Amino acid sequence: MSETTTTYKVRLEPVGIEMDVEEGETVLDAGFRQGIALMHGCKEGQCGSCKARVLSGDIEMLKYSTFALPDYERENEHVLLCKTHAYSDLEVELLNFDEELLSHSIAVKSFEARLAKVTPLTHDIRLLEIDLDKPMKFWAGQYVDLTLPDIGVTRAFSMANAPVDGTRLSFIIKKYPNGLFSSQLDGALQPGAVLQAKGPYGTCFRREGRTGPLLLIGGGSGMSPLWSMLSDQVQSGDQRPVRFFYGARTRADLFMLDEIAAVAAALPDFEFIPALSHATADDQWDGETGFIHEVVQRRLAAESLSGVIDAYACGPVPMIDAVLPVLQMANVEPDHIFFDKFTPATR
């Protein structure tokens, strides 16, 4: 006789959505499974994006960072949905929600994958391409969890390709000296190697049907979701103005310049603004210098962009933390600022 899984009802306010959560799964995972796109970021209890308040019901919280959920908030029934297990029916108040996000919900699924190829882009950036066993629907800017089953390592990577029909996914990945996943990209992983993909995840995806200027701001492997959005933008035939800011250390850290030039030729009002934070005389660089948030600040002050701006920032946590106040001071509306913080992997 098979065991019956205990299931509880969760009502999400103020949106009035109801869903099931099974005992042993988090509320956030239950949403993913049923195609209900709740706000989320790291999914590991570190960022606070999925913070909510329990109005009624019994829950248990798994281990989380008090930076994401301070003790005084926990004492007032606040929780992180990525770390919340239900032990009764629940009523939950969403503190962060996006009607457009909920309308774009895609159920998270698991996929079998095989490595197609790995291409070096710079000394520490790689382009990983995989083939799935079936097509995945996603929005430009979203990510998947990729698992190497042979060594039991899972990491989150943003798709670099536009969400067109097909089974090929590409990812722009930064190598780290002791990276358990990225260290496999220079020879250990061979074409045909088996991977597993689960997704899509992510709330920082390209919003369609907008007419105002588009700001894309990235650094390092933050190029991956931004390139997906930009490719999607070109394929959609959208003609809105685009300013693409990208921060690198030196000229050798810039890549895909030919592909970006092709985009510039395809769009009527596009400018790529790379900036070097550690330019040397050998770079022979006459472009922007300094950290990318400083360049964004200078450019937005110097150029008057008309219309409601949409801004997407993807990259390391310090870069995002520096860019957000710059966008706010430039009067970019808070609900038109989307970001994806690339948090370090936890062991």
C-alpha atoms as a PDB file:
ATOM      1  CA  MET A   1       0.000   0.000   0.000  1.00  0.00           C
ATOM      2  CA  SER A   2       1.492   3.368  -1.049  1.00  0.00           C
ATOM      3  CA  GLU A   3       1.906   6.209   1.388  1.00  0.00           C
ATOM      4  CA  THR A   4      -0.444   9.157   0.946  1.00  0.00           C
ATOM      5  CA  THR A   5       1.265  12.537   0.766  1.00  0.00           C
ATOM      6  CA  THR A   6      -0.292  15.094   3.094  1.00  0.00           C
ATOM      7  CA  THR A   7      -1.364  18.185   1.150  1.00  0.00           C
ATOM      8  CA  TYR A   8      -2.422  21.573   2.506  1.00  0.00           C
ATOM      9  CA  LYS A   9      -4.129  24.576   0.923  1.00  0.00           C
ATOM     10  CA  VAL A  10      -2.310  27.909   0.741  1.00  0.00           C
ATOM     11  CA  ARG A  11      -4.234  31.083  -0.015  1.00  0.00           C
ATOM     12  CA  LEU A  12      -2.100  33.966  -1.283  1.00  0.00           C
ATOM     13  CA  GLU A  13      -3.320  37.463  -0.488  1.00  0.00           C
ATOM     14  CA  PRO A  14      -3.942  40.134  -1.743  1.00  0.00           C
ATOM     15  CA  VAL A  15      -4.047  38.381  -5.134  1.00  0.00           C
ATOM     16  CA  GLY A  16      -6.598  35.749  -4.057  1.00  0.00           C
ATOM     17  CA  ILE A  17      -4.704  32.787  -5.564  1.00  0.00           C
ATOM     18  CA  GLU A  18      -5.011  29.347  -3.981  1.00  0.00           C
ATOM     19  CA  MET A  19      -2.587  26.469  -4.435  1.00  0.00           C
ATOM     20  CA  ASP A  20      -1.586  23.171  -2.858  1.00  0.00           C
ATOM     21  CA  VAL A  21       1.590  22.544  -0.903  1.00  0.00           C
ATOM     22  CA  GLU A  22       2.743  19.053  -0.044  1.00  0.00           C
ATOM     23  CA  GLU A  23       4.292  18.220   3.304  1.00  0.00           C
ATOM     24  CA  GLY A  24       8.047  18.281   2.799  1.00  0.00           C
ATOM     25  CA  GLU A  25       8.112  20.906   0.010  1.00  0.00           C
ATOM     26  CA  THR A  26       8.545  24.630   0.480  1.00  0.00           C
ATOM     27  CA  VAL A  27       5.756  27.051  -0.371  1.00  0.00           C
ATOM     28  CA  LEU A  28       7.955  28.560  -3.095  1.00  0.00           C
ATOM     29  CA  ASP A  29       8.616  25.151  -4.678  1.00  0.00           C
ATOM     30  CA  ALA A  30       4.883  24.431  -4.581  1.00  0.00           C
ATOM     31  CA  GLY A  31       4.312  27.633  -6.533  1.00  0.00           C
ATOM     32  CA  PHE A  32       6.964  26.677  -9.084  1.00  0.00           C
ATOM     33  CA  ARG A  33       5.415  23.217  -9.508  1.00  0.00           C
ATOM     34  CA  GLN A  34       1.970  24.680 -10.196  1.00  0.00           C
ATOM     35  CA  GLY A  35       3.117  27.488 -12.464  1.00  0.00           C
ATOM     36  CA  ILE A  36       2.452  30.284  -9.964  1.00  0.00           C
ATOM     37  CA  ALA A  37       5.299  32.772 -10.350  1.00  0.00           C
ATOM     38  CA  LEU A  38       5.990  34.097  -6.866  1.00  0.00           C
ATOM     39  CA  MET A  39       8.690  36.717  -6.390  1.00  0.00           C
ATOM     40  CA  HIS A  40      12.030  35.036  -5.750  1.00  0.00           C
ATOM     41  CA  GLY A  41      15.752  35.447  -6.116  1.00  0.00           C
ATOM     42  CA  CYS A  42      18.363  33.044  -4.745  1.00  0.00           C
ATOM     43  CA  LYS A  43      15.893  30.349  -3.551  1.00  0.00           C
ATOM     44  CA  GLU A  44      18.376  29.689  -0.704  1.00  0.00           C
ATOM     45  CA  GLY A  45      17.180  32.013   2.067  1.00  0.00           C
ATOM     46  CA  GLN A  46      19.850  34.629   1.426  1.00  0.00           C
ATOM     47  CA  CYS A  47      18.215  37.478  -0.536  1.00  0.00           C
ATOM     48  CA  GLY A  48      14.772  38.217   0.951  1.00  0.00           C
ATOM     49  CA  SER A  49      12.975  38.486  -2.412  1.00  0.00           C
ATOM     50  CA  CYS A  50      10.328  35.911  -1.417  1.00  0.00           C
ATOM     51  CA  LYS A  51       9.564  37.514   1.958  1.00  0.00           C
ATOM     52  CA  ALA A  52       5.916  37.234   3.032  1.00  0.00           C
ATOM     53  CA  ARG A  53       3.781  37.276   6.189  1.00  0.00           C
ATOM     54  CA  VAL A  54       1.851  34.299   7.534  1.00  0.00           C
ATOM     55  CA  LEU A  55      -1.677  35.425   8.466  1.00  0.00           C
ATOM     56  CA  SER A  56      -2.832  32.020   9.732  1.00  0.00           C
ATOM     57  CA  GLY A  57      -1.650  28.425   9.907  1.00  0.00           C
ATOM     58  CA  ASP A  58       1.277  26.374  11.186  1.00  0.00           C
ATOM     59  CA  ILE A  59       4.669  26.502   9.499  1.00  0.00           C
ATOM     60  CA  GLU A  60       8.273  25.571  10.084  1.00  0.00           C
ATOM     61  CA  MET A  61      11.235  27.522   8.732  1.00  0.00           C
ATOM     62  CA  LEU A  62      14.369  25.845   7.462  1.00  0.00           C
ATOM     63  CA  LYS A  63      17.759  27.485   8.056  1.00  0.00           C
ATOM     64  CA  TYR A  64      18.007  30.966   6.507  1.00  0.00           C
ATOM     65  CA  SER A  65      20.147  34.115   6.652  1.00  0.00           C
ATOM     66  CA  THR A  66      19.127  36.723   9.236  1.00  0.00           C
ATOM     67  CA  PHE A  67      20.364  39.294   6.735  1.00  0.00           C
ATOM     68  CA  ALA A  68      17.447  38.261   4.497  1.00  0.00           C
ATOM     69  CA  LEU A  69      14.995  37.921   7.402  1.00  0.00           C
ATOM     70  CA  PRO A  70      16.015  39.765  10.610  1.00  0.00           C
ATOM     71  CA  ASP A  71      14.825  38.408  13.950  1.00  0.00           C
ATOM     72  CA  TYR A  72      12.406  41.297  14.542  1.00  0.00           C
ATOM     73  CA  GLU A  73      10.607  40.490  11.287  1.00  0.00           C
ATOM     74  CA  ARG A  74      10.456  36.785  12.083  1.00  0.00           C
ATOM     75  CA  GLU A  75       8.888  37.665  15.446  1.00  0.00           C
ATOM     76  CA  ASN A  76       6.153  39.470  13.498  1.00  0.00           C
ATOM     77  CA  GLU A  77       5.247  36.367  11.455  1.00  0.00           C
ATOM     78  CA  HIS A  78       7.371  37.254   8.427  1.00  0.00           C
ATOM     79  CA  VAL A  79       8.826  34.287   6.544  1.00  0.00           C
ATOM     80  CA  LEU A  80      10.890  33.439   3.464  1.00  0.00           C
ATOM     81  CA  LEU A  81       8.730  31.278   1.217  1.00  0.00           C
ATOM     82  CA  CYS A  82      11.808  29.412  -0.079  1.00  0.00           C
ATOM     83  CA  LYS A  83      12.386  28.126   3.457  1.00  0.00           C
ATOM     84  CA  THR A  84       8.783  27.680   4.655  1.00  0.00           C
ATOM     85  CA  HIS A  85       7.159  24.262   5.147  1.00  0.00           C
ATOM     86  CA  ALA A  86       3.422  24.038   5.841  1.00  0.00           C
ATOM     87  CA  TYR A  87       1.926  21.896   8.612  1.00  0.00           C
ATOM     88  CA  SER A  88      -1.665  23.063   8.120  1.00  0.00           C
ATOM     89  CA  ASP A  89      -3.690  25.124   5.656  1.00  0.00           C
ATOM     90  CA  LEU A  90      -2.129  28.584   5.358  1.00  0.00           C
ATOM     91  CA  GLU A  91      -3.128  32.130   4.557  1.00  0.00           C
ATOM     92  CA  VAL A  92      -0.132  34.154   3.413  1.00  0.00           C
ATOM     93  CA  GLU A  93       0.214  37.840   2.605  1.00  0.00           C
ATOM     94  CA  LEU A  94       2.633  38.469  -0.276  1.00  0.00           C
ATOM     95  CA  LEU A  95       4.758  41.526   0.472  1.00  0.00           C
ATOM     96  CA  ASN A  96       6.276  41.591  -3.023  1.00  0.00           C
ATOM     97  CA  PHE A  97       4.185  40.596  -5.998  1.00  0.00           C
ATOM     98  CA  ASP A  98       3.906  41.541  -9.633  1.00  0.00           C
ATOM     99  CA  GLU A  99       0.618  41.112 -11.514  1.00  0.00           C
ATOM    100  CA  GLU A 100       2.522  40.905 -14.812  1.00  0.00           C
ATOM    101  CA  LEU A 101       4.812  38.255 -13.362  1.00  0.00           C
ATOM    102  CA  LEU A 102       1.846  36.170 -12.201  1.00  0.00           C
ATOM    103  CA  SER A 103       0.281  36.454 -15.663  1.00  0.00           C
ATOM    104  CA  HIS A 104       3.532  35.159 -17.216  1.00  0.00           C
ATOM    105  CA  SER A 105       3.774  32.089 -14.998  1.00  0.00           C
ATOM    106  CA  ILE A 106       5.463  28.999 -16.443  1.00  0.00           C
ATOM    107  CA  ALA A 107       5.471  25.748 -14.475  1.00  0.00           C
ATOM    108  CA  VAL A 108       8.950  24.597 -13.456  1.00  0.00           C
ATOM    109  CA  LYS A 109       9.917  21.254 -15.019  1.00  0.00           C
ATOM    110  CA  SER A 110      12.912  18.925 -15.048  1.00  0.00           C
ATOM    111  CA  PHE A 111      14.809  18.156 -18.250  1.00  0.00           C
ATOM    112  CA  GLU A 112      17.491  15.677 -19.239  1.00  0.00           C
ATOM    113  CA  ALA A 113      20.333  17.382 -21.127  1.00  0.00           C
ATOM    114  CA  ARG A 114      23.588  16.621 -22.907  1.00  0.00           C
ATOM    115  CA  LEU A 115      26.573  18.882 -23.365  1.00  0.00           C
ATOM    116  CA  ALA A 116      26.895  20.184 -26.938  1.00  0.00           C
ATOM    117  CA  LYS A 117      30.051  22.300 -26.600  1.00  0.00           C
ATOM    118  CA  VAL A 118      32.042  24.747 -24.477  1.00  0.00           C
ATOM    119  CA  THR A 119      33.600  27.807 -26.130  1.00  0.00           C
ATOM    120  CA  PRO A 120      36.119  30.154 -24.427  1.00  0.00           C
ATOM    121  CA  LEU A 121      35.063  33.815 -24.678  1.00  0.00           C
ATOM    122  CA  THR A 122      37.784  35.316 -22.444  1.00  0.00           C
ATOM    123  CA  HIS A 123      40.380  33.907 -20.043  1.00  0.00           C
ATOM    124  CA  ASP A 124      37.651  33.253 -17.451  1.00  0.00           C
ATOM    125  CA  ILE A 125      34.331  33.383 -19.352  1.00  0.00           C
ATOM    126  CA  ARG A 126      32.909  30.340 -21.117  1.00  0.00           C
ATOM    127  CA  LEU A 127      29.914  29.793 -23.410  1.00  0.00           C
ATOM    128  CA  LEU A 128      28.213  26.518 -22.439  1.00  0.00           C
ATOM    129  CA  GLU A 129      25.687  24.997 -24.849  1.00  0.00           C
ATOM    130  CA  ILE A 130      23.425  22.073 -23.993  1.00  0.00           C
ATOM    131  CA  ASP A 131      20.676  20.126 -25.754  1.00  0.00           C
ATOM    132  CA  LEU A 132      17.505  19.287 -23.811  1.00  0.00           C
ATOM    133  CA  ASP A 133      15.363  16.183 -24.272  1.00  0.00           C
ATOM    134  CA  LYS A 134      12.346  18.425 -24.952  1.00  0.00           C
ATOM    135  CA  PRO A 135      11.790  22.165 -25.560  1.00  0.00           C
ATOM    136  CA  MET A 136      11.669  24.524 -22.562  1.00  0.00           C
ATOM    137  CA  LYS A 137       9.432  27.572 -22.506  1.00  0.00           C
ATOM    138  CA  PHE A 138      10.974  30.547 -20.703  1.00  0.00           C
ATOM    139  CA  TRP A 139      11.098  34.347 -20.772  1.00  0.00           C
ATOM    140  CA  ALA A 140      14.237  36.203 -21.841  1.00  0.00           C
ATOM    141  CA  GLY A 141      16.276  36.829 -18.687  1.00  0.00           C
ATOM    142  CA  GLN A 142      15.248  33.718 -16.743  1.00  0.00           C
ATOM    143  CA  TYR A 143      17.536  30.954 -15.466  1.00  0.00           C
ATOM    144  CA  VAL A 144      17.679  27.237 -14.739  1.00  0.00           C
ATOM    145  CA  ASP A 145      19.364  25.060 -12.152  1.00  0.00           C
ATOM    146  CA  LEU A 146      21.959  22.902 -13.917  1.00  0.00           C
ATOM    147  CA  THR A 147      23.144  19.706 -12.235  1.00  0.00           C
ATOM    148  CA  LEU A 148      26.204  17.589 -12.975  1.00  0.00           C
ATOM    149  CA  PRO A 149      24.883  14.247 -11.684  1.00  0.00           C
ATOM    150  CA  ASP A 150      28.295  12.531 -11.707  1.00  0.00           C
ATOM    151  CA  ILE A 151      29.645  14.898  -9.052  1.00  0.00           C
ATOM    152  CA  GLY A 152      26.348  16.011  -7.499  1.00  0.00           C
ATOM    153  CA  VAL A 153      26.844  19.748  -8.097  1.00  0.00           C
ATOM    154  CA  THR A 154      23.967  22.108  -8.930  1.00  0.00           C
ATOM    155  CA  ARG A 155      24.358  25.762  -9.933  1.00  0.00           C
ATOM    156  CA  ALA A 156      21.954  28.398 -11.266  1.00  0.00           C
ATOM    157  CA  PHE A 157      22.759  29.884 -14.684  1.00  0.00           C
ATOM    158  CA  SER A 158      20.831  32.378 -16.815  1.00  0.00           C
ATOM    159  CA  MET A 159      20.049  31.504 -20.412  1.00  0.00           C
ATOM    160  CA  ALA A 160      21.974  33.570 -22.977  1.00  0.00           C
ATOM    161  CA  ASN A 161      19.780  32.674 -25.953  1.00  0.00           C
ATOM    162  CA  ALA A 162      16.416  34.153 -26.860  1.00  0.00           C
ATOM    163  CA  PRO A 163      13.416  31.956 -25.913  1.00  0.00           C
ATOM    164  CA  VAL A 164      12.753  30.568 -29.389  1.00  0.00           C
ATOM    165  CA  ASP A 165      11.370  27.096 -30.090  1.00  0.00           C
ATOM    166  CA  GLY A 166      13.994  24.388 -29.831  1.00  0.00           C
ATOM    167  CA  THR A 167      15.996  22.352 -27.364  1.00  0.00           C
ATOM    168  CA  ARG A 168      19.390  24.145 -27.462  1.00  0.00           C
ATOM    169  CA  LEU A 169      20.170  26.384 -24.458  1.00  0.00           C
ATOM    170  CA  SER A 170      23.309  28.496 -24.079  1.00  0.00           C
ATOM    171  CA  PHE A 171      24.849  30.046 -20.968  1.00  0.00           C
ATOM    172  CA  ILE A 172      27.625  32.594 -20.436  1.00  0.00           C
ATOM    173  CA  ILE A 173      29.466  31.409 -17.316  1.00  0.00           C
ATOM    174  CA  LYS A 174      32.299  32.937 -15.314  1.00  0.00           C
ATOM    175  CA  LYS A 175      34.995  30.529 -14.124  1.00  0.00           C
ATOM    176  CA  TYR A 176      36.073  30.675 -10.479  1.00  0.00           C
ATOM    177  CA  PRO A 177      39.378  29.227  -9.211  1.00  0.00           C
ATOM    178  CA  ASN A 178      37.643  26.730  -6.908  1.00  0.00           C
ATOM    179  CA  GLY A 179      34.296  26.578  -8.663  1.00  0.00           C
ATOM    180  CA  LEU A 180      32.942  23.040  -8.408  1.00  0.00           C
ATOM    181  CA  PHE A 181      30.854  23.497 -11.566  1.00  0.00           C
ATOM    182  CA  SER A 182      32.828  26.051 -13.589  1.00  0.00           C
ATOM    183  CA  SER A 183      36.124  24.198 -13.064  1.00  0.00           C
ATOM    184  CA  GLN A 184      34.632  21.346 -15.118  1.00  0.00           C
ATOM    185  CA  LEU A 185      34.269  23.520 -18.232  1.00  0.00           C
ATOM    186  CA  ASP A 186      37.882  23.291 -19.427  1.00  0.00           C
ATOM    187  CA  GLY A 187      38.167  19.655 -20.395  1.00  0.00           C
ATOM    188  CA  ALA A 188      36.533  17.626 -17.634  1.00  0.00           C
ATOM    189  CA  LEU A 189      33.136  17.941 -19.336  1.00  0.00           C
ATOM    190  CA  GLN A 190      33.146  16.495 -22.823  1.00  0.00           C
ATOM    191  CA  PRO A 191      30.465  16.721 -25.540  1.00  0.00           C
ATOM    192  CA  GLY A 192      27.739  14.193 -24.804  1.00  0.00           C
ATOM    193  CA  ALA A 193      28.136  14.471 -21.022  1.00  0.00           C
ATOM    194  CA  VAL A 194      24.824  14.118 -19.171  1.00  0.00           C
ATOM    195  CA  LEU A 195      23.381  17.081 -17.250  1.00  0.00           C
ATOM    196  CA  GLN A 196      20.034  17.822 -15.672  1.00  0.00           C
ATOM    197  CA  ALA A 197      18.204  21.138 -16.004  1.00  0.00           C
ATOM    198  CA  LYS A 198      15.314  22.394 -13.908  1.00  0.00           C
ATOM    199  CA  GLY A 199      13.425  25.585 -14.557  1.00  0.00           C
ATOM    200  CA  PRO A 200      12.650  28.198 -15.604  1.00  0.00           C
ATOM    201  CA  TYR A 201      13.167  30.455 -12.617  1.00  0.00           C
ATOM    202  CA  GLY A 202      13.636  34.186 -12.239  1.00  0.00           C
ATOM    203  CA  THR A 203      11.582  37.381 -12.157  1.00  0.00           C
ATOM    204  CA  CYS A 204      14.073  39.590 -14.022  1.00  0.00           C
ATOM    205  CA  PHE A 205      12.778  38.914 -17.536  1.00  0.00           C
ATOM    206  CA  ARG A 206      12.095  41.226 -20.475  1.00  0.00           C
ATOM    207  CA  ARG A 207       8.694  42.900 -20.220  1.00  0.00           C
ATOM    208  CA  GLU A 208       7.028  43.089 -23.613  1.00  0.00           C
ATOM    209  CA  GLY A 209       4.911  45.817 -25.144  1.00  0.00           C
ATOM    210  CA  ARG A 210       6.814  48.731 -23.594  1.00  0.00           C
ATOM    211  CA  THR A 211       7.758  51.797 -25.665  1.00  0.00           C
ATOM    212  CA  GLY A 212      10.120  53.811 -23.449  1.00  0.00           C
ATOM    213  CA  PRO A 213      13.919  53.511 -23.363  1.00  0.00           C
ATOM    214  CA  LEU A 214      15.519  50.240 -22.284  1.00  0.00           C
ATOM    215  CA  LEU A 215      18.600  50.250 -20.041  1.00  0.00           C
ATOM    216  CA  LEU A 216      20.630  47.034 -19.802  1.00  0.00           C
ATOM    217  CA  ILE A 217      23.381  47.089 -17.172  1.00  0.00           C
ATOM    218  CA  GLY A 218      25.733  44.185 -16.558  1.00  0.00           C
ATOM    219  CA  GLY A 219      29.124  42.925 -15.537  1.00  0.00           C
ATOM    220  CA  GLY A 220      30.889  39.564 -15.832  1.00  0.00           C
ATOM    221  CA  SER A 221      28.488  36.706 -16.566  1.00  0.00           C
ATOM    222  CA  GLY A 222      25.636  39.203 -16.143  1.00  0.00           C
ATOM    223  CA  MET A 223      26.011  39.388 -19.924  1.00  0.00           C
ATOM    224  CA  SER A 224      24.090  36.087 -20.161  1.00  0.00           C
ATOM    225  CA  PRO A 225      20.522  37.177 -19.285  1.00  0.00           C
ATOM    226  CA  LEU A 226      21.069  40.597 -20.877  1.00  0.00           C
ATOM    227  CA  TRP A 227      22.118  38.991 -24.164  1.00  0.00           C
ATOM    228  CA  SER A 228      18.978  36.839 -24.021  1.00  0.00           C
ATOM    229  CA  MET A 229      16.858  39.974 -23.547  1.00  0.00           C
ATOM    230  CA  LEU A 230      18.663  41.876 -26.281  1.00  0.00           C
ATOM    231  CA  SER A 231      18.343  38.989 -28.742  1.00  0.00           C
ATOM    232  CA  ASP A 232      14.664  38.704 -27.881  1.00  0.00           C
ATOM    233  CA  GLN A 233      14.282  42.458 -28.366  1.00  0.00           C
ATOM    234  CA  VAL A 234      15.765  42.275 -31.874  1.00  0.00           C
ATOM    235  CA  GLN A 235      13.683  39.228 -32.851  1.00  0.00           C
ATOM    236  CA  SER A 236      10.480  40.888 -31.626  1.00  0.00           C
ATOM    237  CA  GLY A 237      10.957  43.801 -34.032  1.00  0.00           C
ATOM    238  CA  ASP A 238      10.692  46.236 -31.105  1.00  0.00           C
ATOM    239  CA  GLN A 239      12.142  49.654 -32.018  1.00  0.00           C
ATOM    240  CA  ARG A 240      12.522  51.238 -28.571  1.00  0.00           C
ATOM    241  CA  PRO A 241      15.807  52.996 -27.705  1.00  0.00           C
ATOM    242  CA  VAL A 242      18.377  50.735 -25.983  1.00  0.00           C
ATOM    243  CA  ARG A 243      21.426  51.702 -23.905  1.00  0.00           C
ATOM    244  CA  PHE A 244      23.595  48.697 -23.022  1.00  0.00           C
ATOM    245  CA  PHE A 245      26.139  49.315 -20.246  1.00  0.00           C
ATOM    246  CA  TYR A 246      28.731  46.616 -19.541  1.00  0.00           C
ATOM    247  CA  GLY A 247      31.496  46.763 -16.949  1.00  0.00           C
ATOM    248  CA  ALA A 248      34.797  44.889 -17.346  1.00  0.00           C
ATOM    249  CA  ARG A 249      38.222  45.132 -15.740  1.00  0.00           C
ATOM    250  CA  THR A 250      40.393  45.403 -18.860  1.00  0.00           C
ATOM    251  CA  ARG A 251      39.966  45.316 -22.626  1.00  0.00           C
ATOM    252  CA  ALA A 252      40.738  41.573 -22.585  1.00  0.00           C
ATOM    253  CA  ASP A 253      37.589  41.043 -20.506  1.00  0.00           C
ATOM    254  CA  LEU A 254      35.300  42.353 -23.270  1.00  0.00           C
ATOM    255  CA  PHE A 255      33.751  39.789 -25.615  1.00  0.00           C
ATOM    256  CA  MET A 256      31.007  39.295 -28.227  1.00  0.00           C
ATOM    257  CA  LEU A 257      31.838  42.700 -29.696  1.00  0.00           C
ATOM    258  CA  ASP A 258      31.058  41.578 -33.259  1.00  0.00           C
ATOM    259  CA  GLU A 259      27.667  40.229 -32.193  1.00  0.00           C
ATOM    260  CA  ILE A 260      26.887  43.485 -30.370  1.00  0.00           C
ATOM    261  CA  ALA A 261      27.906  45.477 -33.459  1.00  0.00           C
ATOM    262  CA  ALA A 262      25.411  43.406 -35.475  1.00  0.00           C
ATOM    263  CA  VAL A 263      22.670  44.320 -32.988  1.00  0.00           C
ATOM    264  CA  ALA A 264      23.636  47.995 -33.301  1.00  0.00           C
ATOM    265  CA  ALA A 265      23.148  47.702 -37.066  1.00  0.00           C
ATOM    266  CA  ALA A 266      19.733  46.074 -36.582  1.00  0.00           C
ATOM    267  CA  LEU A 267      18.257  48.591 -34.115  1.00  0.00           C
ATOM    268  CA  PRO A 268      17.521  52.251 -34.932  1.00  0.00           C
ATOM    269  CA  ASP A 269      18.528  53.725 -31.559  1.00  0.00           C
ATOM    270  CA  PHE A 270      21.081  51.494 -29.826  1.00  0.00           C
ATOM    271  CA  GLU A 271      24.310  52.323 -28.012  1.00  0.00           C
ATOM    272  CA  PHE A 272      26.751  49.919 -26.381  1.00  0.00           C
ATOM    273  CA  ILE A 273      28.683  51.576 -23.555  1.00  0.00           C
ATOM    274  CA  PRO A 274      31.492  49.364 -22.213  1.00  0.00           C
ATOM    275  CA  ALA A 275      33.546  50.650 -19.286  1.00  0.00           C
ATOM    276  CA  LEU A 276      36.908  49.447 -17.958  1.00  0.00           C
ATOM    277  CA  SER A 277      37.482  49.675 -14.213  1.00  0.00           C
ATOM    278  CA  HIS A 278      41.178  48.724 -14.366  1.00  0.00           C
ATOM    279  CA  ALA A 279      42.305  49.979 -17.773  1.00  0.00           C
ATOM    280  CA  THR A 280      46.074  50.012 -18.354  1.00  0.00           C
ATOM    281  CA  ALA A 281      48.258  51.738 -20.955  1.00  0.00           C
ATOM    282  CA  ASP A 282      48.420  48.430 -22.841  1.00  0.00           C
ATOM    283  CA  ASP A 283      44.647  48.565 -23.357  1.00  0.00           C
ATOM    284  CA  GLN A 284      44.949  51.686 -25.534  1.00  0.00           C
ATOM    285  CA  TRP A 285      41.437  52.501 -24.359  1.00  0.00           C
ATOM    286  CA  ASP A 286      39.651  55.762 -25.147  1.00  0.00           C
ATOM    287  CA  GLY A 287      36.210  54.653 -23.958  1.00  0.00           C
ATOM    288  CA  GLU A 288      34.529  55.000 -20.560  1.00  0.00           C
ATOM    289  CA  THR A 289      36.529  54.168 -17.434  1.00  0.00           C
ATOM    290  CA  GLY A 290      35.521  53.544 -13.835  1.00  0.00           C
ATOM    291  CA  PHE A 291      32.926  51.290 -12.269  1.00  0.00           C
ATOM    292  CA  ILE A 292      29.809  50.732 -14.312  1.00  0.00           C
ATOM    293  CA  HIS A 293      27.447  52.458 -11.856  1.00  0.00           C
ATOM    294  CA  GLU A 294      29.570  55.615 -12.150  1.00  0.00           C
ATOM    295  CA  VAL A 295      29.313  55.474 -15.938  1.00  0.00           C
ATOM    296  CA  VAL A 296      25.534  54.933 -15.794  1.00  0.00           C
ATOM    297  CA  GLN A 297      25.242  57.946 -13.502  1.00  0.00           C
ATOM    298  CA  ARG A 298      27.291  60.172 -15.824  1.00  0.00           C
ATOM    299  CA  ARG A 299      25.458  59.071 -18.950  1.00  0.00           C
ATOM    300  CA  LEU A 300      21.961  59.421 -17.502  1.00  0.00           C
ATOM    301  CA  ALA A 301      22.839  62.916 -16.301  1.00  0.00           C
ATOM    302  CA  ALA A 302      24.192  63.879 -19.731  1.00  0.00           C
ATOM    303  CA  GLU A 303      21.461  62.321 -21.921  1.00  0.00           C
ATOM    304  CA  SER A 304      17.792  63.153 -21.650  1.00  0.00           C
ATOM    305  CA  LEU A 305      15.839  59.984 -22.440  1.00  0.00           C
ATOM    306  CA  SER A 306      12.146  60.611 -23.056  1.00  0.00           C
ATOM    307  CA  GLY A 307       9.481  58.151 -21.977  1.00  0.00           C
ATOM    308  CA  VAL A 308       9.185  55.680 -19.102  1.00  0.00           C
ATOM    309  CA  ILE A 309      12.517  53.862 -18.699  1.00  0.00           C
ATOM    310  CA  ASP A 310      12.765  50.120 -18.051  1.00  0.00           C
ATOM    311  CA  ALA A 311      16.073  49.171 -16.423  1.00  0.00           C
ATOM    312  CA  TYR A 312      17.511  45.647 -16.098  1.00  0.00           C
ATOM    313  CA  ALA A 313      20.682  45.117 -14.036  1.00  0.00           C
ATOM    314  CA  CYS A 314      22.385  41.711 -13.858  1.00  0.00           C
ATOM    315  CA  GLY A 315      25.687  40.860 -12.226  1.00  0.00           C
ATOM    316  CA  PRO A 316      27.600  40.589  -8.939  1.00  0.00           C
ATOM    317  CA  VAL A 317      25.922  41.753  -5.731  1.00  0.00           C
ATOM    318  CA  PRO A 318      28.218  44.811  -5.189  1.00  0.00           C
ATOM    319  CA  MET A 319      27.487  46.021  -8.730  1.00  0.00           C
ATOM    320  CA  ILE A 320      23.727  45.723  -8.278  1.00  0.00           C
ATOM    321  CA  ASP A 321      23.852  47.411  -4.866  1.00  0.00           C
ATOM    322  CA  ALA A 322      25.743  50.337  -6.422  1.00  0.00           C
ATOM    323  CA  VAL A 323      23.517  50.621  -9.520  1.00  0.00           C
ATOM    324  CA  LEU A 324      20.118  50.633  -7.802  1.00  0.00           C
ATOM    325  CA  PRO A 325      20.494  54.017  -6.020  1.00  0.00           C
ATOM    326  CA  VAL A 326      21.868  55.527  -9.244  1.00  0.00           C
ATOM    327  CA  LEU A 327      18.710  54.476 -11.096  1.00  0.00           C
ATOM    328  CA  GLN A 328      16.513  55.776  -8.284  1.00  0.00           C
ATOM    329  CA  MET A 329      18.288  59.153  -8.303  1.00  0.00           C
ATOM    330  CA  ALA A 330      17.774  59.279 -12.069  1.00  0.00           C
ATOM    331  CA  ASN A 331      14.014  58.996 -11.397  1.00  0.00           C
ATOM    332  CA  VAL A 332      13.594  55.538 -12.910  1.00  0.00           C
ATOM    333  CA  GLU A 333      10.314  54.347 -11.407  1.00  0.00           C
ATOM    334  CA  PRO A 334      10.855  51.584  -8.797  1.00  0.00           C
ATOM    335  CA  ASP A 335       8.424  49.183 -10.492  1.00  0.00           C
ATOM    336  CA  HIS A 336      10.379  49.576 -13.736  1.00  0.00           C
ATOM    337  CA  ILE A 337      13.690  48.484 -12.187  1.00  0.00           C
ATOM    338  CA  PHE A 338      14.431  44.758 -12.500  1.00  0.00           C
ATOM    339  CA  PHE A 339      17.594  43.104 -11.249  1.00  0.00           C
ATOM    340  CA  ASP A 340      19.269  39.746 -10.828  1.00  0.00           C
ATOM    341  CA  LYS A 341      21.960  39.487  -8.162  1.00  0.00           C
ATOM    342  CA  PHE A 342      24.497  36.771  -8.924  1.00  0.00           C
ATOM    343  CA  THR A 343      25.139  35.490  -5.413  1.00  0.00           C
ATOM    344  CA  PRO A 344      28.137  33.218  -4.732  1.00  0.00           C
ATOM    345  CA  ALA A 345      27.402  29.503  -4.581  1.00  0.00           C
ATOM    346  CA  THR A 346      26.951  28.077  -1.100  1.00  0.00           C
ATOM    347  CA  ARG A 347      28.379  24.714  -0.085  1.00  0.00           C
END
